[in-house]
Amino acid sequence: MRVGIDAQLARGNATGIGEYLAGLIPALRRLGVEVVALETARLDPWRFDRRVAWDQVLLPIAAARARADLLHCAAGTMPLVATLPAIATVHDVAWLRVQQHARAYARVYFGAFALSRYRRARRIMVDSAFSRDQLLEHGGFDPLRIDVVYPGVSGDVAAIVRVPDAVPFALSVGTVEKRKNLEVVIEALRDVAELRLIVAGPATPYQDRCLRIARERGVAERVEFRGYVSRDELLGLYARAAVVVVPSHYEGFGYAVAHARCAGVPFLAAKTSSLPEVADDTGTLLPPDDAGAWAAGLRDLMRERTAAQAQATSDRPAAIVRFAWTTAAAQVAAVYRLALDS
């Protein structure tokens, strides 16, 4: 079994899908699966026109040249014309649910067009039961062809040594976009004395709205947007944070919650989409738009920091086992075999 994996989104400033690829490919190789990472250094996948050129022209050519038996479209898109059997990882269907602010051509390509291609896949993997159910709601899918495979969390996160700062800060990780709902945490900061908020992730125009709210609420000096940070800086932030906050309206998996659990960081997350599934009865889940509840949750955690840290530390070993890449890769390899046998 020789598998070509679309690895282009692991290049440049890799976000959630890049982390997925960076963990999955070596884990599959350790299991003895012959994997060819399909990518090119000459193309920026974050420009729409070049992303389409990669998906629809260069990726099928690369897969054919690699003489793969199976193409794993791991980045949420698939070519119109496949040169060999293909499976897809559908991380979420956010483009069909919560990206109305995006340009129309992007919504069509990553939304309706992608959905039509998924229906042609031999099998589909999703990152959560939530994403499976969202996909099935759009119709035209055999639930027996959809496999839930939780992504893994990398070993460097599991190895973090916690040394929280004496002056506490809340940490938010991920692209600063509307569905991440950071404004509810900024609103809550008014009622949580001295707590800072550090945000690590690429900016979109939504960041301007968050900065305006911070100024209006008088907390701008306690809110810091760092943009995309290096891996070492990110690991350091997880080591030092008092709490991770994940107030998103929509997450197909919720890497920030999985990271917090595997790093032993207390977390507060929205009680919505896949986040309760990833939290699995740990941490604190809150209504996504209730700033008062977020303020109360943060105040409670600050008062009981020692107890909250002890609970997060206690949960950590089980989380590391649950989100091990060894487990995820074995499940993905089983899906490959099912796809080739179908």
C-alpha atoms as a PDB file:
ATOM      1  CA  MET A   1       0.000   0.000   0.000  1.00  0.00           C
ATOM      2  CA  ARG A   2       1.561   3.242  -1.204  1.00  0.00           C
ATOM      3  CA  VAL A   3      -0.362   6.357  -0.185  1.00  0.00           C
ATOM      4  CA  GLY A   4       0.076   9.885  -1.492  1.00  0.00           C
ATOM      5  CA  ILE A   5      -0.996  12.494   1.073  1.00  0.00           C
ATOM      6  CA  ASP A   6      -1.752  16.090   0.150  1.00  0.00           C
ATOM      7  CA  ALA A   7       0.741  17.813   2.470  1.00  0.00           C
ATOM      8  CA  GLN A   8       0.827  21.283   0.908  1.00  0.00           C
ATOM      9  CA  LEU A   9      -0.843  22.997   3.880  1.00  0.00           C
ATOM     10  CA  ALA A  10       2.000  21.899   6.136  1.00  0.00           C
ATOM     11  CA  ARG A  11       4.142  24.497   4.345  1.00  0.00           C
ATOM     12  CA  GLY A  12       4.526  28.090   5.479  1.00  0.00           C
ATOM     13  CA  ASN A  13       2.595  29.254   8.539  1.00  0.00           C
ATOM     14  CA  ALA A  14       0.857  25.951   9.195  1.00  0.00           C
ATOM     15  CA  THR A  15      -2.298  26.079  11.320  1.00  0.00           C
ATOM     16  CA  GLY A  16      -4.591  23.211  12.397  1.00  0.00           C
ATOM     17  CA  ILE A  17      -4.429  21.227   9.150  1.00  0.00           C
ATOM     18  CA  GLY A  18      -0.673  21.707   9.050  1.00  0.00           C
ATOM     19  CA  GLU A  19      -0.404  20.276  12.556  1.00  0.00           C
ATOM     20  CA  TYR A  20      -2.595  17.342  11.483  1.00  0.00           C
ATOM     21  CA  LEU A  21      -0.275  16.581   8.570  1.00  0.00           C
ATOM     22  CA  ALA A  22       2.914  17.062  10.586  1.00  0.00           C
ATOM     23  CA  GLY A  23       1.706  14.499  13.115  1.00  0.00           C
ATOM     24  CA  LEU A  24      -0.020  11.988  10.845  1.00  0.00           C
ATOM     25  CA  ILE A  25       2.653  11.422   8.189  1.00  0.00           C
ATOM     26  CA  PRO A  26       5.518  10.351  10.495  1.00  0.00           C
ATOM     27  CA  ALA A  27       3.106   8.316  12.657  1.00  0.00           C
ATOM     28  CA  LEU A  28       1.962   6.361   9.577  1.00  0.00           C
ATOM     29  CA  ARG A  29       5.569   5.758   8.548  1.00  0.00           C
ATOM     30  CA  ARG A  30       6.388   4.428  12.011  1.00  0.00           C
ATOM     31  CA  LEU A  31       3.595   1.888  11.478  1.00  0.00           C
ATOM     32  CA  GLY A  32       5.195   0.776   8.217  1.00  0.00           C
ATOM     33  CA  VAL A  33       2.756   2.502   5.842  1.00  0.00           C
ATOM     34  CA  GLU A  34       4.523   3.714   2.684  1.00  0.00           C
ATOM     35  CA  VAL A  35       3.620   7.398   2.518  1.00  0.00           C
ATOM     36  CA  VAL A  36       4.579   9.988  -0.080  1.00  0.00           C
ATOM     37  CA  ALA A  37       4.074  13.585   1.069  1.00  0.00           C
ATOM     38  CA  LEU A  38       2.765  15.460  -1.984  1.00  0.00           C
ATOM     39  CA  GLU A  39       3.937  19.072  -1.821  1.00  0.00           C
ATOM     40  CA  THR A  40       6.005  21.717  -3.568  1.00  0.00           C
ATOM     41  CA  ALA A  41       8.125  24.498  -2.114  1.00  0.00           C
ATOM     42  CA  ARG A  42       7.324  26.759  -5.068  1.00  0.00           C
ATOM     43  CA  LEU A  43       3.670  27.412  -4.272  1.00  0.00           C
ATOM     44  CA  ASP A  44       1.994  29.466  -1.526  1.00  0.00           C
ATOM     45  CA  PRO A  45      -1.136  27.494  -0.506  1.00  0.00           C
ATOM     46  CA  TRP A  46      -2.612  30.522   1.285  1.00  0.00           C
ATOM     47  CA  ARG A  47      -3.339  32.425  -1.935  1.00  0.00           C
ATOM     48  CA  PHE A  48      -6.697  31.324  -3.332  1.00  0.00           C
ATOM     49  CA  ASP A  49      -5.636  31.098  -6.984  1.00  0.00           C
ATOM     50  CA  ARG A  50      -2.548  29.062  -6.138  1.00  0.00           C
ATOM     51  CA  ARG A  51      -4.509  26.810  -3.804  1.00  0.00           C
ATOM     52  CA  VAL A  52      -6.936  25.992  -6.634  1.00  0.00           C
ATOM     53  CA  ALA A  53      -4.033  25.374  -9.018  1.00  0.00           C
ATOM     54  CA  TRP A  54      -2.521  22.969  -6.489  1.00  0.00           C
ATOM     55  CA  ASP A  55      -5.772  21.122  -5.725  1.00  0.00           C
ATOM     56  CA  GLN A  56      -7.020  20.762  -9.279  1.00  0.00           C
ATOM     57  CA  VAL A  57      -3.876  20.469 -11.415  1.00  0.00           C
ATOM     58  CA  LEU A  58      -0.648  19.935  -9.527  1.00  0.00           C
ATOM     59  CA  LEU A  59      -1.907  17.524  -6.849  1.00  0.00           C
ATOM     60  CA  PRO A  60      -3.339  14.928  -9.288  1.00  0.00           C
ATOM     61  CA  ILE A  61      -0.123  15.124 -11.337  1.00  0.00           C
ATOM     62  CA  ALA A  62       2.017  14.678  -8.228  1.00  0.00           C
ATOM     63  CA  ALA A  63      -0.087  11.695  -7.101  1.00  0.00           C
ATOM     64  CA  ALA A  64       0.262  10.022 -10.504  1.00  0.00           C
ATOM     65  CA  ARG A  65       4.029  10.610 -10.582  1.00  0.00           C
ATOM     66  CA  ALA A  66       4.354   9.156  -7.087  1.00  0.00           C
ATOM     67  CA  ARG A  67       2.746   5.935  -8.368  1.00  0.00           C
ATOM     68  CA  ALA A  68       0.507   5.882  -5.320  1.00  0.00           C
ATOM     69  CA  ASP A  69      -2.244   3.313  -4.889  1.00  0.00           C
ATOM     70  CA  LEU A  70      -4.404   5.776  -2.979  1.00  0.00           C
ATOM     71  CA  LEU A  71      -4.670   9.561  -2.697  1.00  0.00           C
ATOM     72  CA  HIS A  72      -5.437  10.957   0.754  1.00  0.00           C
ATOM     73  CA  CYS A  73      -6.917  14.446   0.358  1.00  0.00           C
ATOM     74  CA  ALA A  74      -6.137  15.568   3.891  1.00  0.00           C
ATOM     75  CA  ALA A  75      -6.679  19.316   3.566  1.00  0.00           C
ATOM     76  CA  GLY A  76     -10.455  19.493   3.100  1.00  0.00           C
ATOM     77  CA  THR A  77     -10.406  19.810  -0.700  1.00  0.00           C
ATOM     78  CA  MET A  78     -10.365  17.296  -3.560  1.00  0.00           C
ATOM     79  CA  PRO A  79      -9.565  17.449  -7.275  1.00  0.00           C
ATOM     80  CA  LEU A  80     -12.387  17.413  -9.795  1.00  0.00           C
ATOM     81  CA  VAL A  81     -10.630  14.715 -11.820  1.00  0.00           C
ATOM     82  CA  ALA A  82      -8.925  12.003  -9.766  1.00  0.00           C
ATOM     83  CA  THR A  83      -6.213   9.888 -11.354  1.00  0.00           C
ATOM     84  CA  LEU A  84      -6.482   7.152  -8.680  1.00  0.00           C
ATOM     85  CA  PRO A  85      -8.789   6.111  -5.799  1.00  0.00           C
ATOM     86  CA  ALA A  86      -9.162   8.929  -3.270  1.00  0.00           C
ATOM     87  CA  ILE A  87     -10.301   9.407   0.298  1.00  0.00           C
ATOM     88  CA  ALA A  88     -10.868  12.707   2.092  1.00  0.00           C
ATOM     89  CA  THR A  89     -10.420  14.054   5.579  1.00  0.00           C
ATOM     90  CA  VAL A  90     -13.245  16.516   6.238  1.00  0.00           C
ATOM     91  CA  HIS A  91     -12.092  18.560   9.196  1.00  0.00           C
ATOM     92  CA  ASP A  92     -15.340  20.538   9.318  1.00  0.00           C
ATOM     93  CA  VAL A  93     -18.016  22.057   7.082  1.00  0.00           C
ATOM     94  CA  ALA A  94     -17.478  25.588   8.389  1.00  0.00           C
ATOM     95  CA  TRP A  95     -17.597  27.035   4.874  1.00  0.00           C
ATOM     96  CA  LEU A  96     -21.200  25.893   4.635  1.00  0.00           C
ATOM     97  CA  ARG A  97     -22.131  27.044   8.145  1.00  0.00           C
ATOM     98  CA  VAL A  98     -20.270  30.033   9.549  1.00  0.00           C
ATOM     99  CA  GLN A  99     -18.197  31.681   6.825  1.00  0.00           C
ATOM    100  CA  GLN A 100     -20.879  33.941   5.337  1.00  0.00           C
ATOM    101  CA  HIS A 101     -18.525  36.926   5.674  1.00  0.00           C
ATOM    102  CA  ALA A 102     -16.002  35.393   3.263  1.00  0.00           C
ATOM    103  CA  ARG A 103     -15.843  36.132  -0.444  1.00  0.00           C
ATOM    104  CA  ALA A 104     -18.458  34.326  -2.546  1.00  0.00           C
ATOM    105  CA  TYR A 105     -15.956  32.452  -4.720  1.00  0.00           C
ATOM    106  CA  ALA A 106     -14.193  31.063  -1.635  1.00  0.00           C
ATOM    107  CA  ARG A 107     -17.506  29.981  -0.074  1.00  0.00           C
ATOM    108  CA  VAL A 108     -18.430  28.140  -3.259  1.00  0.00           C
ATOM    109  CA  TYR A 109     -15.048  26.435  -3.694  1.00  0.00           C
ATOM    110  CA  PHE A 110     -14.508  25.372  -0.084  1.00  0.00           C
ATOM    111  CA  GLY A 111     -18.239  24.839   0.493  1.00  0.00           C
ATOM    112  CA  ALA A 112     -20.591  23.512  -2.186  1.00  0.00           C
ATOM    113  CA  PHE A 113     -17.872  22.422  -4.622  1.00  0.00           C
ATOM    114  CA  ALA A 114     -15.913  20.596  -1.912  1.00  0.00           C
ATOM    115  CA  LEU A 115     -19.101  18.909  -0.717  1.00  0.00           C
ATOM    116  CA  SER A 116     -19.780  17.582  -4.225  1.00  0.00           C
ATOM    117  CA  ARG A 117     -16.270  16.129  -4.380  1.00  0.00           C
ATOM    118  CA  TYR A 118     -16.579  14.415  -0.976  1.00  0.00           C
ATOM    119  CA  ARG A 119     -19.471  12.391  -2.397  1.00  0.00           C
ATOM    120  CA  ARG A 120     -17.018  10.868  -4.892  1.00  0.00           C
ATOM    121  CA  ALA A 121     -14.514   9.742  -2.266  1.00  0.00           C
ATOM    122  CA  ARG A 122     -14.013   6.038  -1.545  1.00  0.00           C
ATOM    123  CA  ARG A 123     -14.215   6.838   2.180  1.00  0.00           C
ATOM    124  CA  ILE A 124     -14.350   9.957   4.344  1.00  0.00           C
ATOM    125  CA  MET A 125     -12.624  10.575   7.643  1.00  0.00           C
ATOM    126  CA  VAL A 126     -13.881  13.261  10.030  1.00  0.00           C
ATOM    127  CA  ASP A 127     -12.223  14.699  13.127  1.00  0.00           C
ATOM    128  CA  SER A 128     -15.239  14.321  15.415  1.00  0.00           C
ATOM    129  CA  ALA A 129     -18.732  12.873  15.676  1.00  0.00           C
ATOM    130  CA  PHE A 130     -19.952  16.467  15.466  1.00  0.00           C
ATOM    131  CA  SER A 131     -18.335  16.910  12.035  1.00  0.00           C
ATOM    132  CA  ARG A 132     -19.761  13.564  10.891  1.00  0.00           C
ATOM    133  CA  ASP A 133     -23.270  14.629  11.868  1.00  0.00           C
ATOM    134  CA  GLN A 134     -22.845  18.031  10.206  1.00  0.00           C
ATOM    135  CA  LEU A 135     -21.729  16.348   6.994  1.00  0.00           C
ATOM    136  CA  LEU A 136     -24.612  13.869   7.027  1.00  0.00           C
ATOM    137  CA  GLU A 137     -27.100  16.712   7.377  1.00  0.00           C
ATOM    138  CA  HIS A 138     -26.191  17.818   3.856  1.00  0.00           C
ATOM    139  CA  GLY A 139     -27.420  14.522   2.404  1.00  0.00           C
ATOM    140  CA  GLY A 140     -26.028  12.189  -0.220  1.00  0.00           C
ATOM    141  CA  PHE A 141     -23.599  10.372   2.079  1.00  0.00           C
ATOM    142  CA  ASP A 142     -23.573   6.773   3.244  1.00  0.00           C
ATOM    143  CA  PRO A 143     -22.860   6.911   6.996  1.00  0.00           C
ATOM    144  CA  LEU A 144     -21.078   3.564   6.685  1.00  0.00           C
ATOM    145  CA  ARG A 145     -18.428   5.259   4.510  1.00  0.00           C
ATOM    146  CA  ILE A 146     -17.638   7.884   7.150  1.00  0.00           C
ATOM    147  CA  ASP A 147     -15.084   7.153   9.867  1.00  0.00           C
ATOM    148  CA  VAL A 148     -14.496   9.286  12.975  1.00  0.00           C
ATOM    149  CA  VAL A 149     -10.763   9.514  13.661  1.00  0.00           C
ATOM    150  CA  TYR A 150      -9.659  11.974  16.325  1.00  0.00           C
ATOM    151  CA  PRO A 151      -6.434  13.775  15.351  1.00  0.00           C
ATOM    152  CA  GLY A 152      -3.430  13.264  17.562  1.00  0.00           C
ATOM    153  CA  VAL A 153      -1.528  15.794  19.646  1.00  0.00           C
ATOM    154  CA  SER A 154       2.212  16.022  19.088  1.00  0.00           C
ATOM    155  CA  GLY A 155       4.712  14.787  21.616  1.00  0.00           C
ATOM    156  CA  ASP A 156       6.203  18.226  22.251  1.00  0.00           C
ATOM    157  CA  VAL A 157       2.873  19.369  23.679  1.00  0.00           C
ATOM    158  CA  ALA A 158       2.614  16.270  25.867  1.00  0.00           C
ATOM    159  CA  ALA A 159       6.155  16.956  27.135  1.00  0.00           C
ATOM    160  CA  ILE A 160       5.512  20.547  28.256  1.00  0.00           C
ATOM    161  CA  VAL A 161       6.683  21.339  31.778  1.00  0.00           C
ATOM    162  CA  ARG A 162       4.168  23.686  33.381  1.00  0.00           C
ATOM    163  CA  VAL A 163       5.554  26.822  35.057  1.00  0.00           C
ATOM    164  CA  PRO A 164       2.616  29.297  35.190  1.00  0.00           C
ATOM    165  CA  ASP A 165       3.481  32.988  35.338  1.00  0.00           C
ATOM    166  CA  ALA A 166       3.081  34.720  38.690  1.00  0.00           C
ATOM    167  CA  VAL A 167       1.024  37.399  36.904  1.00  0.00           C
ATOM    168  CA  PRO A 168      -1.629  35.222  35.244  1.00  0.00           C
ATOM    169  CA  PHE A 169      -2.726  35.354  31.637  1.00  0.00           C
ATOM    170  CA  ALA A 170      -5.377  33.580  29.582  1.00  0.00           C
ATOM    171  CA  LEU A 171      -4.218  32.111  26.279  1.00  0.00           C
ATOM    172  CA  SER A 172      -6.194  31.856  23.036  1.00  0.00           C
ATOM    173  CA  VAL A 173      -4.649  29.932  20.129  1.00  0.00           C
ATOM    174  CA  GLY A 174      -5.871  29.938  16.541  1.00  0.00           C
ATOM    175  CA  THR A 175      -6.656  32.168  13.587  1.00  0.00           C
ATOM    176  CA  VAL A 176      -8.296  35.383  14.801  1.00  0.00           C
ATOM    177  CA  GLU A 177     -11.539  35.082  12.846  1.00  0.00           C
ATOM    178  CA  LYS A 178     -15.185  35.711  13.600  1.00  0.00           C
ATOM    179  CA  ARG A 179     -16.154  32.144  14.466  1.00  0.00           C
ATOM    180  CA  LYS A 180     -13.491  32.105  17.214  1.00  0.00           C
ATOM    181  CA  ASN A 181     -15.690  34.583  19.137  1.00  0.00           C
ATOM    182  CA  LEU A 182     -12.850  36.244  21.058  1.00  0.00           C
ATOM    183  CA  GLU A 183     -14.990  39.256  21.850  1.00  0.00           C
ATOM    184  CA  VAL A 184     -16.823  37.385  24.629  1.00  0.00           C
ATOM    185  CA  VAL A 185     -13.536  36.902  26.514  1.00  0.00           C
ATOM    186  CA  ILE A 186     -12.564  40.534  25.955  1.00  0.00           C
ATOM    187  CA  GLU A 187     -15.941  41.626  27.340  1.00  0.00           C
ATOM    188  CA  ALA A 188     -15.416  39.349  30.337  1.00  0.00           C
ATOM    189  CA  LEU A 189     -12.013  40.861  31.145  1.00  0.00           C
ATOM    190  CA  ARG A 190     -13.732  43.997  32.506  1.00  0.00           C
ATOM    191  CA  ASP A 191     -14.861  41.949  35.489  1.00  0.00           C
ATOM    192  CA  VAL A 192     -11.700  39.897  36.026  1.00  0.00           C
ATOM    193  CA  ALA A 193      -9.122  42.127  37.667  1.00  0.00           C
ATOM    194  CA  GLU A 194      -5.496  41.891  36.509  1.00  0.00           C
ATOM    195  CA  LEU A 195      -5.974  38.934  34.151  1.00  0.00           C
ATOM    196  CA  ARG A 196      -4.333  39.439  30.758  1.00  0.00           C
ATOM    197  CA  LEU A 197      -5.281  37.851  27.434  1.00  0.00           C
ATOM    198  CA  ILE A 198      -2.612  36.728  24.962  1.00  0.00           C
ATOM    199  CA  VAL A 199      -3.803  35.685  21.513  1.00  0.00           C
ATOM    200  CA  ALA A 200      -1.507  33.610  19.283  1.00  0.00           C
ATOM    201  CA  GLY A 201      -2.635  33.151  15.693  1.00  0.00           C
ATOM    202  CA  PRO A 202      -2.829  34.780  12.254  1.00  0.00           C
ATOM    203  CA  ALA A 203      -4.961  37.921  12.033  1.00  0.00           C
ATOM    204  CA  THR A 204      -8.014  38.590   9.884  1.00  0.00           C
ATOM    205  CA  PRO A 205     -10.108  41.798   9.792  1.00  0.00           C
ATOM    206  CA  TYR A 206     -11.993  40.441  12.842  1.00  0.00           C
ATOM    207  CA  GLN A 207      -8.963  41.365  14.947  1.00  0.00           C
ATOM    208  CA  ASP A 208      -9.763  45.055  14.376  1.00  0.00           C
ATOM    209  CA  ARG A 209     -13.221  44.516  15.862  1.00  0.00           C
ATOM    210  CA  CYS A 210     -11.685  42.815  18.901  1.00  0.00           C
ATOM    211  CA  LEU A 211      -9.224  45.675  19.412  1.00  0.00           C
ATOM    212  CA  ARG A 212     -12.037  48.215  19.186  1.00  0.00           C
ATOM    213  CA  ILE A 213     -14.067  46.352  21.814  1.00  0.00           C
ATOM    214  CA  ALA A 214     -11.006  46.152  24.055  1.00  0.00           C
ATOM    215  CA  ARG A 215     -10.544  49.922  23.833  1.00  0.00           C
ATOM    216  CA  GLU A 216     -14.229  50.603  24.447  1.00  0.00           C
ATOM    217  CA  ARG A 217     -14.258  48.347  27.514  1.00  0.00           C
ATOM    218  CA  GLY A 218     -11.073  49.846  28.946  1.00  0.00           C
ATOM    219  CA  VAL A 219      -9.035  46.624  28.794  1.00  0.00           C
ATOM    220  CA  ALA A 220      -6.859  47.296  25.740  1.00  0.00           C
ATOM    221  CA  GLU A 221      -3.679  47.346  27.830  1.00  0.00           C
ATOM    222  CA  ARG A 222      -4.454  43.777  28.974  1.00  0.00           C
ATOM    223  CA  VAL A 223      -5.063  42.315  25.494  1.00  0.00           C
ATOM    224  CA  GLU A 224      -2.102  41.319  23.319  1.00  0.00           C
ATOM    225  CA  PHE A 225      -2.334  39.937  19.781  1.00  0.00           C
ATOM    226  CA  ARG A 226       0.969  38.275  18.899  1.00  0.00           C
ATOM    227  CA  GLY A 227       0.067  37.020  15.434  1.00  0.00           C
ATOM    228  CA  TYR A 228       1.516  33.756  14.168  1.00  0.00           C
ATOM    229  CA  VAL A 229       4.175  32.569  16.629  1.00  0.00           C
ATOM    230  CA  SER A 230       6.992  30.046  16.336  1.00  0.00           C
ATOM    231  CA  ARG A 231       6.529  26.531  17.668  1.00  0.00           C
ATOM    232  CA  ASP A 232       8.895  27.191  20.571  1.00  0.00           C
ATOM    233  CA  GLU A 233       7.023  30.354  21.538  1.00  0.00           C
ATOM    234  CA  LEU A 234       3.695  28.536  21.366  1.00  0.00           C
ATOM    235  CA  LEU A 235       4.934  25.745  23.623  1.00  0.00           C
ATOM    236  CA  GLY A 236       6.250  28.375  26.035  1.00  0.00           C
ATOM    237  CA  LEU A 237       2.867  30.085  26.159  1.00  0.00           C
ATOM    238  CA  TYR A 238       1.143  26.797  26.998  1.00  0.00           C
ATOM    239  CA  ALA A 239       3.736  26.221  29.725  1.00  0.00           C
ATOM    240  CA  ARG A 240       3.153  29.639  31.302  1.00  0.00           C
ATOM    241  CA  ALA A 241      -0.601  30.274  30.841  1.00  0.00           C
ATOM    242  CA  ALA A 242      -2.993  30.223  33.780  1.00  0.00           C
ATOM    243  CA  VAL A 243      -5.856  29.120  31.536  1.00  0.00           C
ATOM    244  CA  VAL A 244      -6.612  28.390  27.889  1.00  0.00           C
ATOM    245  CA  VAL A 245      -9.822  29.980  26.562  1.00  0.00           C
ATOM    246  CA  VAL A 246     -11.700  28.527  23.577  1.00  0.00           C
ATOM    247  CA  PRO A 247     -14.920  30.548  23.112  1.00  0.00           C
ATOM    248  CA  SER A 248     -15.504  29.468  19.488  1.00  0.00           C
ATOM    249  CA  HIS A 249     -18.959  29.239  17.980  1.00  0.00           C
ATOM    250  CA  TYR A 250     -17.799  26.492  15.628  1.00  0.00           C
ATOM    251  CA  GLU A 251     -14.936  23.969  15.747  1.00  0.00           C
ATOM    252  CA  GLY A 252     -14.689  20.750  13.769  1.00  0.00           C
ATOM    253  CA  PHE A 253     -12.287  19.370  16.349  1.00  0.00           C
ATOM    254  CA  GLY A 254     -10.946  22.025  18.706  1.00  0.00           C
ATOM    255  CA  TYR A 255      -7.187  21.548  18.752  1.00  0.00           C
ATOM    256  CA  ALA A 256      -6.787  24.201  21.461  1.00  0.00           C
ATOM    257  CA  VAL A 257      -8.812  22.099  23.913  1.00  0.00           C
ATOM    258  CA  ALA A 258      -6.875  18.929  23.035  1.00  0.00           C
ATOM    259  CA  HIS A 259      -3.602  20.838  23.420  1.00  0.00           C
ATOM    260  CA  ALA A 260      -4.660  22.275  26.775  1.00  0.00           C
ATOM    261  CA  ARG A 261      -5.610  18.826  28.051  1.00  0.00           C
ATOM    262  CA  CYS A 262      -2.364  17.191  26.882  1.00  0.00           C
ATOM    263  CA  ALA A 263      -0.275  20.088  28.235  1.00  0.00           C
ATOM    264  CA  GLY A 264      -2.043  20.039  31.610  1.00  0.00           C
ATOM    265  CA  VAL A 265      -3.475  23.561  31.335  1.00  0.00           C
ATOM    266  CA  PRO A 266      -6.872  24.428  32.879  1.00  0.00           C
ATOM    267  CA  PHE A 267      -9.298  25.532  30.172  1.00  0.00           C
ATOM    268  CA  LEU A 268     -12.623  27.222  29.602  1.00  0.00           C
ATOM    269  CA  ALA A 269     -14.422  26.384  26.358  1.00  0.00           C
ATOM    270  CA  ALA A 270     -17.720  27.123  24.682  1.00  0.00           C
ATOM    271  CA  LYS A 271     -20.406  24.515  25.131  1.00  0.00           C
ATOM    272  CA  THR A 272     -20.941  24.150  21.408  1.00  0.00           C
ATOM    273  CA  SER A 273     -19.956  22.223  18.254  1.00  0.00           C
ATOM    274  CA  SER A 274     -17.220  19.604  18.847  1.00  0.00           C
ATOM    275  CA  LEU A 275     -15.779  21.202  21.996  1.00  0.00           C
ATOM    276  CA  PRO A 276     -17.769  19.176  24.596  1.00  0.00           C
ATOM    277  CA  GLU A 277     -16.752  16.023  22.720  1.00  0.00           C
ATOM    278  CA  VAL A 278     -13.046  16.909  22.876  1.00  0.00           C
ATOM    279  CA  ALA A 279     -13.292  18.165  26.476  1.00  0.00           C
ATOM    280  CA  ASP A 280     -14.916  14.878  27.553  1.00  0.00           C
ATOM    281  CA  ASP A 281     -16.198  16.023  30.984  1.00  0.00           C
ATOM    282  CA  THR A 282     -13.032  17.968  31.825  1.00  0.00           C
ATOM    283  CA  GLY A 283     -12.444  21.715  32.029  1.00  0.00           C
ATOM    284  CA  THR A 284     -15.328  24.189  32.210  1.00  0.00           C
ATOM    285  CA  LEU A 285     -17.876  24.580  29.408  1.00  0.00           C
ATOM    286  CA  LEU A 286     -19.790  27.849  29.074  1.00  0.00           C
ATOM    287  CA  PRO A 287     -22.464  29.413  26.832  1.00  0.00           C
ATOM    288  CA  PRO A 288     -20.530  30.953  23.939  1.00  0.00           C
ATOM    289  CA  ASP A 289     -22.125  34.410  24.048  1.00  0.00           C
ATOM    290  CA  ASP A 290     -22.644  34.966  27.785  1.00  0.00           C
ATOM    291  CA  ALA A 291     -19.876  37.369  28.833  1.00  0.00           C
ATOM    292  CA  GLY A 292     -21.120  37.261  32.430  1.00  0.00           C
ATOM    293  CA  ALA A 293     -20.687  33.492  32.552  1.00  0.00           C
ATOM    294  CA  TRP A 294     -17.180  33.785  31.101  1.00  0.00           C
ATOM    295  CA  ALA A 295     -16.281  36.446  33.658  1.00  0.00           C
ATOM    296  CA  ALA A 296     -17.592  34.262  36.481  1.00  0.00           C
ATOM    297  CA  GLY A 297     -15.751  31.218  35.138  1.00  0.00           C
ATOM    298  CA  LEU A 298     -12.473  33.118  34.914  1.00  0.00           C
ATOM    299  CA  ARG A 299     -12.892  34.618  38.398  1.00  0.00           C
ATOM    300  CA  ASP A 300     -13.627  31.199  39.872  1.00  0.00           C
ATOM    301  CA  LEU A 301     -10.580  29.705  38.214  1.00  0.00           C
ATOM    302  CA  MET A 302      -8.330  32.558  39.367  1.00  0.00           C
ATOM    303  CA  ARG A 303      -9.538  32.106  42.957  1.00  0.00           C
ATOM    304  CA  GLU A 304      -8.911  28.355  42.794  1.00  0.00           C
ATOM    305  CA  ARG A 305      -5.825  28.270  40.597  1.00  0.00           C
ATOM    306  CA  THR A 306      -4.088  25.574  42.634  1.00  0.00           C
ATOM    307  CA  ALA A 307      -7.105  23.255  42.559  1.00  0.00           C
ATOM    308  CA  ALA A 308      -7.717  23.919  38.862  1.00  0.00           C
ATOM    309  CA  GLN A 309      -4.098  23.127  38.047  1.00  0.00           C
ATOM    310  CA  ALA A 310      -4.213  19.949  40.111  1.00  0.00           C
ATOM    311  CA  GLN A 311      -7.296  18.790  38.215  1.00  0.00           C
ATOM    312  CA  ALA A 312      -5.711  19.552  34.835  1.00  0.00           C
ATOM    313  CA  THR A 313      -2.565  17.679  35.857  1.00  0.00           C
ATOM    314  CA  SER A 314      -4.644  14.698  36.970  1.00  0.00           C
ATOM    315  CA  ASP A 315      -6.491  14.577  33.633  1.00  0.00           C
ATOM    316  CA  ARG A 316      -3.336  14.928  31.561  1.00  0.00           C
ATOM    317  CA  PRO A 317      -2.205  11.260  31.279  1.00  0.00           C
ATOM    318  CA  ALA A 318      -5.613  10.097  30.019  1.00  0.00           C
ATOM    319  CA  ALA A 319      -5.704  12.929  27.478  1.00  0.00           C
ATOM    320  CA  ILE A 320      -2.240  12.064  26.178  1.00  0.00           C
ATOM    321  CA  VAL A 321      -3.366   8.465  25.622  1.00  0.00           C
ATOM    322  CA  ARG A 322      -6.650   9.511  23.996  1.00  0.00           C
ATOM    323  CA  PHE A 323      -4.960  11.875  21.548  1.00  0.00           C
ATOM    324  CA  ALA A 324      -1.888   9.766  20.761  1.00  0.00           C
ATOM    325  CA  TRP A 325      -0.806   9.894  17.118  1.00  0.00           C
ATOM    326  CA  THR A 326      -0.019   6.183  17.294  1.00  0.00           C
ATOM    327  CA  THR A 327      -3.708   5.460  17.849  1.00  0.00           C
ATOM    328  CA  ALA A 328      -4.885   7.917  15.196  1.00  0.00           C
ATOM    329  CA  ALA A 329      -2.443   6.616  12.590  1.00  0.00           C
ATOM    330  CA  ALA A 330      -3.516   3.000  13.162  1.00  0.00           C
ATOM    331  CA  GLN A 331      -7.139   4.021  12.583  1.00  0.00           C
ATOM    332  CA  VAL A 332      -6.209   5.966   9.440  1.00  0.00           C
ATOM    333  CA  ALA A 333      -4.264   2.970   8.081  1.00  0.00           C
ATOM    334  CA  ALA A 334      -7.347   0.795   8.634  1.00  0.00           C
ATOM    335  CA  VAL A 335      -9.422   3.294   6.625  1.00  0.00           C
ATOM    336  CA  TYR A 336      -6.863   3.104   3.803  1.00  0.00           C
ATOM    337  CA  ARG A 337      -7.272  -0.659   3.652  1.00  0.00           C
ATOM    338  CA  LEU A 338     -11.060  -0.372   3.593  1.00  0.00           C
ATOM    339  CA  ALA A 339     -10.861   2.171   0.743  1.00  0.00           C
ATOM    340  CA  LEU A 340      -8.585  -0.025  -1.340  1.00  0.00           C
ATOM    341  CA  ASP A 341     -10.786  -3.065  -0.748  1.00  0.00           C
ATOM    342  CA  SER A 342     -14.019  -1.287  -1.737  1.00  0.00           C
END
